[in-house]
Each structure stands twice: as C-alpha cells, then as structure tokens.
Amino acid sequence: MQLDYFKPEFLLQQHGVLHTIVVFGSTRIAEPAAARRNVERLQKALAPDPGNPDLLRRLAIATRIQAKSIYYDMAREFGRLVGKAGGGRVVVMTGGGPGMMEAANRGAYDVGAKSVGLNINLLHEQYPNPYITPDLCFRFHYFAIRKLHFLLRAKALVAFPGGYGTFDELFETLTLVQTRKIEPVPTVLVGEHYWRQAFDVNFLVDEGVIDPEDRELFWYAETAQEIWDGILEWHEANGEPLLTST
C-alpha cells in the first residue's frame, strides 16, 4: 500500500506536475474508424443469417458505440488543449486504459505534452494505453490509493459517457464535495443527452434525496473547447486562475 502511494507521488513531484485535469469515460468507446470497422464486420457476419438474435443484439450495441465515437475525437482534442496550455504543470490524468482515457492521453501526446495514467490490477488485465508518458504510467493494486491520487492534484473532473467505473469516480467526487470533505472542484459531464438519461438529477431533487443546490455541483458541455473554457472560467471566478497559479 505504501508503494502504491509513494511511487506516484515521488515521480509526479519529480516531473513538476502541480495540477491535473482528470478525465474519465468508457473503455469501450473506440476511435471512429475502429468503431466503424466493428459495425461493418458485424453487418457482414449478419448477411447470411439476418435473423440471428445474438448478432442483431451485438450489431445494435456496436451501432450505438459508433454513434458515441464522436466523444473519442472530442476527448483527444481536449487532451491537446490541456497539453498546449498546461506547460507541464497542468496535465491530463486518466485511468490509463483504452477508450476515452486513451483518447485524452493521446491528445496530450499529439502536442508533445506529458500525461498521467493510473492503471489498476484487474482480474481481466487492462493494459495501459501507449500514449501515457512512460515515467507517469502507474499500476495500482488498491482502488482506494488510486482514487486518492486522482483527487490529490485535481483541478477538474471531466466525465465522458461511461459505465459503472465512470459513475463510481463521478459520484464519489460529487459526494466528497457535497459533504465538504474536499474543496469544490469543477465537474463537467460531456454529452448532456447521454447524461440526462443516465443520471436524472431533477428526479433526485424531486424525491427529496438531494438538495436543489446539489444540481450546481456539475455542468454539461458539448465540445472540447467548451469544457476547457468552462474549467478556466470556474477557476477565474473563484480567484485561483489555473494557468498562472504556482
């Protein structure tokens, strides 16, 4: 457990990483070309057996994934924006895996910027994506220490469409802010249409299980530039400009 904490802490300090922009999202959302090829492969497999229920189900899912592959490009562009502006002190940090995390790391890589990946040992191995800065690619045994590192330097949390893992990190952050266990941090949900279906905050307010002001703990965004501008504006409004702080 000590190694899980101290090794990343030492290397992040050594690399001068002061602040991180944490990016989460599904490991299953591939880049558009790969998503398209998967749909085409399933369409070809279905042609001689058009009533196959398993292939029909898989094709329907693949088609939905292809529609969401726009978020891969968006996350990659967001990684570029952070990489260009951050100067090595503000860097992208992800869970280190494929999909949306790969896209954000890849965007930073595109512009020659550092980025961090916090991978986790799982029963079914999830290998780090190839775009993480090699010295800043860490593999954790304990989820708790990994989550600690996600929040230690976080100056924003950006949640792209995802599943249980994305929800876990999102709701833990919202809970910690709501209960004043951590200072407020800008939290951006990318893709309002997706998130309003996946997470009905107004229902929770109407049911009385959260307060109306808890809706203000996050906001929605639709483009990489909108995400980045919103994060910068939040920090300016709170008297702590992100790109000039030391």
Protein backbone atom coordinates (compact mmCIF):
# COMPACT_ATOMS: atom_id res chain seq x y z
CA MET A 1 0.00 0.00 0.00
CA GLN A 2 2.85 2.39 0.78
CA LEU A 3 4.41 1.77 -2.64
CA ASP A 4 1.03 2.45 -4.26
CA TYR A 5 1.09 5.89 -2.69
CA PHE A 6 4.73 6.96 -2.58
CA LYS A 7 5.99 5.95 -6.03
CA PRO A 8 3.45 8.03 -7.98
CA GLU A 9 3.82 10.90 -5.51
CA PHE A 10 7.60 10.94 -5.90
CA LEU A 11 7.54 10.80 -9.70
CA LEU A 12 4.77 13.39 -10.07
CA GLN A 13 6.79 15.77 -7.92
CA GLN A 14 9.95 14.95 -9.85
CA HIS A 15 8.20 15.79 -13.13
CA GLY A 16 6.88 19.08 -11.75
CA VAL A 17 3.21 18.11 -12.07
CA LEU A 18 1.34 20.58 -9.88
CA HIS A 19 -2.22 20.16 -11.10
CA THR A 20 -4.19 17.57 -13.02
CA ILE A 21 -7.31 17.56 -15.14
CA VAL A 22 -8.85 14.16 -14.51
CA VAL A 23 -10.64 12.55 -17.46
CA PHE A 24 -12.94 9.53 -17.19
CA GLY A 25 -15.11 7.66 -19.66
CA SER A 26 -15.89 4.28 -21.11
CA THR A 27 -13.11 1.92 -22.10
CA ARG A 28 -15.49 0.60 -24.78
CA ILE A 29 -15.86 3.75 -26.87
CA ALA A 30 -13.33 3.29 -29.65
CA GLU A 31 -12.00 5.80 -32.15
CA PRO A 32 -14.42 6.36 -35.07
CA ALA A 33 -12.53 4.25 -37.62
CA ALA A 34 -12.35 1.24 -35.30
CA ALA A 35 -15.98 1.62 -34.30
CA ARG A 36 -17.00 1.76 -37.96
CA ARG A 37 -14.98 -1.37 -38.79
CA ASN A 38 -16.68 -3.26 -35.97
CA VAL A 39 -20.11 -2.32 -37.32
CA GLU A 40 -19.11 -3.37 -40.83
CA ARG A 41 -17.73 -6.68 -39.57
CA LEU A 42 -20.99 -7.48 -37.79
CA GLN A 43 -23.08 -6.43 -40.78
CA LYS A 44 -21.06 -8.81 -42.93
CA ALA A 45 -21.47 -11.62 -40.40
CA LEU A 46 -25.22 -10.98 -40.25
CA ALA A 47 -25.79 -11.01 -44.04
CA PRO A 48 -26.06 -14.83 -44.41
CA ASP A 49 -28.07 -15.15 -41.20
CA PRO A 50 -30.19 -11.95 -40.89
CA GLY A 51 -32.40 -13.29 -38.11
CA ASN A 52 -29.57 -14.27 -35.75
CA PRO A 53 -30.62 -12.70 -32.40
CA ASP A 54 -27.12 -12.63 -30.94
CA LEU A 55 -25.64 -10.90 -34.00
CA LEU A 56 -28.58 -8.46 -34.11
CA ARG A 57 -28.01 -7.54 -30.47
CA ARG A 58 -24.27 -7.12 -30.97
CA LEU A 59 -24.82 -5.01 -34.08
CA ALA A 60 -27.28 -2.76 -32.25
CA ILE A 61 -24.72 -2.19 -29.49
CA ALA A 62 -21.90 -1.65 -31.97
CA THR A 63 -24.02 0.93 -33.77
CA ARG A 64 -24.62 2.79 -30.52
CA ILE A 65 -20.90 2.68 -29.75
CA GLN A 66 -20.14 4.03 -33.22
CA ALA A 67 -22.52 6.93 -32.58
CA LYS A 68 -20.66 7.71 -29.36
CA SER A 69 -17.25 7.50 -31.03
CA ILE A 70 -17.52 11.26 -31.62
CA TYR A 71 -16.53 11.53 -27.96
CA TYR A 72 -13.20 9.84 -28.69
CA ASP A 73 -12.27 12.68 -31.02
CA MET A 74 -13.58 15.20 -28.51
CA ALA A 75 -11.53 13.74 -25.66
CA ARG A 76 -8.47 13.69 -27.88
CA GLU A 77 -8.97 17.34 -28.76
CA PHE A 78 -9.45 18.17 -25.10
CA GLY A 79 -6.15 16.44 -24.30
CA ARG A 80 -4.48 18.64 -26.93
CA LEU A 81 -5.96 21.80 -25.39
CA VAL A 82 -4.75 20.92 -21.90
CA GLY A 83 -1.38 19.79 -23.24
CA LYS A 84 -0.80 23.03 -25.17
CA ALA A 85 -1.85 25.30 -22.33
CA GLY A 86 -0.61 23.42 -19.28
CA GLY A 87 3.11 23.90 -19.71
CA GLY A 88 3.82 20.60 -17.96
CA ARG A 89 2.41 21.85 -14.66
CA VAL A 90 -1.24 21.22 -15.52
CA VAL A 91 -1.58 17.80 -17.15
CA VAL A 92 -4.20 15.32 -18.20
CA MET A 93 -4.64 12.37 -15.83
CA THR A 94 -6.71 9.32 -16.75
CA GLY A 95 -7.30 5.77 -15.60
CA GLY A 96 -4.72 4.75 -18.16
CA GLY A 97 -6.84 2.31 -20.12
CA PRO A 98 -8.34 2.26 -23.63
CA GLY A 99 -11.34 4.14 -24.98
CA MET A 100 -11.96 7.63 -23.66
CA MET A 101 -8.91 7.53 -21.41
CA GLU A 102 -6.67 6.61 -24.33
CA ALA A 103 -8.15 9.49 -26.32
CA ALA A 104 -7.30 12.09 -23.67
CA ASN A 105 -3.77 10.76 -23.19
CA ARG A 106 -3.38 10.62 -26.97
CA GLY A 107 -4.35 14.25 -27.36
CA ALA A 108 -1.63 15.31 -24.93
CA TYR A 109 0.81 13.04 -26.76
CA ASP A 110 -0.14 14.69 -30.07
CA VAL A 111 1.25 18.03 -28.85
CA GLY A 112 4.29 16.61 -27.07
CA ALA A 113 2.84 17.16 -23.59
CA LYS A 114 3.10 14.94 -20.54
CA SER A 115 0.09 12.99 -19.32
CA VAL A 116 -0.56 10.58 -16.48
CA GLY A 117 -2.22 7.17 -16.41
CA LEU A 118 -3.31 5.42 -13.20
CA ASN A 119 -3.95 1.83 -14.21
CA ILE A 120 -5.34 -0.85 -11.89
CA ASN A 121 -4.69 -4.56 -11.49
CA LEU A 122 -7.87 -6.38 -12.51
CA LEU A 123 -8.93 -9.99 -12.92
CA HIS A 124 -9.10 -9.37 -16.66
CA GLU A 125 -5.96 -7.38 -17.37
CA GLN A 126 -6.44 -3.83 -18.61
CA TYR A 127 -3.20 -2.77 -20.21
CA PRO A 128 -2.10 0.86 -20.18
CA ASN A 129 -2.62 2.72 -23.42
CA PRO A 130 0.56 3.63 -25.34
CA TYR A 131 0.14 7.41 -25.12
CA ILE A 132 0.87 7.91 -21.42
CA THR A 133 4.21 9.49 -20.53
CA PRO A 134 6.27 6.39 -19.64
CA ASP A 135 7.54 7.67 -16.27
CA LEU A 136 3.98 8.71 -15.36
CA CYS A 137 2.28 5.38 -16.05
CA PHE A 138 1.41 3.72 -12.75
CA ARG A 139 -0.28 0.43 -11.90
CA PHE A 140 -2.15 0.20 -8.62
CA HIS A 141 -3.21 -2.74 -6.52
CA TYR A 142 -5.63 -0.79 -4.30
CA PHE A 143 -8.56 1.18 -5.69
CA ALA A 144 -8.56 3.45 -2.63
CA ILE A 145 -4.99 4.70 -3.17
CA ARG A 146 -5.61 5.10 -6.87
CA LYS A 147 -8.68 7.25 -6.14
CA LEU A 148 -6.65 9.30 -3.68
CA HIS A 149 -4.14 10.12 -6.42
CA PHE A 150 -6.94 11.08 -8.79
CA LEU A 151 -8.05 13.79 -6.37
CA LEU A 152 -4.77 14.97 -4.79
CA ARG A 153 -3.91 17.40 -7.60
CA ALA A 154 -7.24 17.53 -9.42
CA LYS A 155 -8.31 20.93 -10.69
CA ALA A 156 -11.23 19.50 -12.66
CA LEU A 157 -13.06 16.24 -13.31
CA VAL A 158 -14.26 15.65 -16.87
CA ALA A 159 -16.65 12.72 -17.27
CA PHE A 160 -17.32 11.46 -20.79
CA PRO A 161 -20.05 8.85 -21.36
CA GLY A 162 -19.21 5.69 -19.46
CA GLY A 163 -20.42 2.89 -17.26
CA TYR A 164 -20.01 1.78 -13.66
CA GLY A 165 -16.37 2.83 -13.34
CA THR A 166 -17.10 6.31 -14.64
CA PHE A 167 -20.12 6.60 -12.36
CA ASP A 168 -18.05 5.46 -9.38
CA GLU A 169 -15.47 8.21 -9.82
CA LEU A 170 -18.07 10.84 -10.67
CA PHE A 171 -20.36 10.16 -7.73
CA GLU A 172 -17.52 9.81 -5.26
CA THR A 173 -16.25 13.25 -6.27
CA LEU A 174 -19.72 14.78 -6.08
CA THR A 175 -20.28 13.19 -2.67
CA LEU A 176 -16.98 14.47 -1.29
CA VAL A 177 -17.76 18.00 -2.49
CA GLN A 178 -21.37 17.82 -1.27
CA THR A 179 -20.27 16.71 2.21
CA ARG A 180 -17.42 19.28 2.31
CA LYS A 181 -14.76 16.60 2.60
CA ILE A 182 -12.85 18.21 -0.26
CA GLU A 183 -12.84 21.70 -1.73
CA PRO A 184 -15.19 22.23 -4.67
CA VAL A 185 -13.74 21.14 -8.00
CA PRO A 186 -15.25 21.90 -11.41
CA THR A 187 -17.01 18.80 -12.67
CA VAL A 188 -18.06 18.58 -16.30
CA LEU A 189 -20.38 15.96 -17.78
CA VAL A 190 -19.73 15.72 -21.51
CA GLY A 191 -22.76 14.94 -23.65
CA GLU A 192 -25.90 16.29 -21.99
CA HIS A 193 -28.22 13.94 -23.89
CA TYR A 194 -26.36 10.89 -22.58
CA TRP A 195 -26.03 12.09 -19.01
CA ARG A 196 -29.63 13.29 -18.61
CA GLN A 197 -30.79 9.78 -19.47
CA ALA A 198 -28.16 8.01 -17.39
CA PHE A 199 -28.49 10.25 -14.33
CA ASP A 200 -31.72 12.17 -13.66
CA VAL A 201 -30.66 14.78 -11.11
CA ASN A 202 -34.05 16.50 -11.17
CA PHE A 203 -35.71 13.25 -10.12
CA LEU A 204 -33.38 13.06 -7.12
CA VAL A 205 -34.26 16.64 -6.16
CA ASP A 206 -38.00 15.98 -6.56
CA GLU A 207 -37.68 12.86 -4.43
CA GLY A 208 -36.04 14.92 -1.68
CA VAL A 209 -32.86 12.83 -1.51
CA ILE A 210 -30.58 15.69 -2.58
CA ASP A 211 -30.96 19.47 -2.24
CA PRO A 212 -31.73 21.73 -5.22
CA GLU A 213 -28.31 23.37 -4.91
CA ASP A 214 -26.67 19.97 -5.44
CA ARG A 215 -27.56 20.40 -9.11
CA GLU A 216 -24.92 23.13 -9.22
CA LEU A 217 -22.06 20.74 -8.41
CA PHE A 218 -21.58 19.99 -12.12
CA TRP A 219 -22.44 21.28 -15.57
CA TYR A 220 -22.75 19.89 -19.09
CA ALA A 221 -20.55 20.56 -22.12
CA GLU A 222 -20.66 19.55 -25.78
CA THR A 223 -17.24 20.41 -27.22
CA ALA A 224 -13.62 20.20 -26.12
CA GLN A 225 -13.25 23.97 -26.20
CA GLU A 226 -16.40 24.41 -24.12
CA ILE A 227 -15.04 22.02 -21.49
CA TRP A 228 -11.69 23.80 -21.26
CA ASP A 229 -13.16 27.32 -21.29
CA GLY A 230 -15.61 26.36 -18.55
CA ILE A 231 -12.84 25.00 -16.34
CA LEU A 232 -10.72 28.13 -16.82
CA GLU A 233 -13.70 30.40 -16.14
CA TRP A 234 -14.59 28.47 -12.97
CA HIS A 235 -11.10 28.95 -11.57
CA GLU A 236 -11.03 32.63 -12.56
CA ALA A 237 -14.39 33.19 -10.85
CA ASN A 238 -13.09 31.51 -7.70
CA GLY A 239 -9.97 33.66 -7.55
CA GLU A 240 -7.48 30.96 -8.47
CA PRO A 241 -6.51 31.26 -12.14
CA LEU A 242 -5.45 27.81 -13.24
CA LEU A 243 -2.70 28.73 -15.67
CA THR A 244 -0.97 31.34 -13.53
CA SER A 245 -1.14 29.72 -10.10
CA THR A 246 2.04 28.34 -8.55
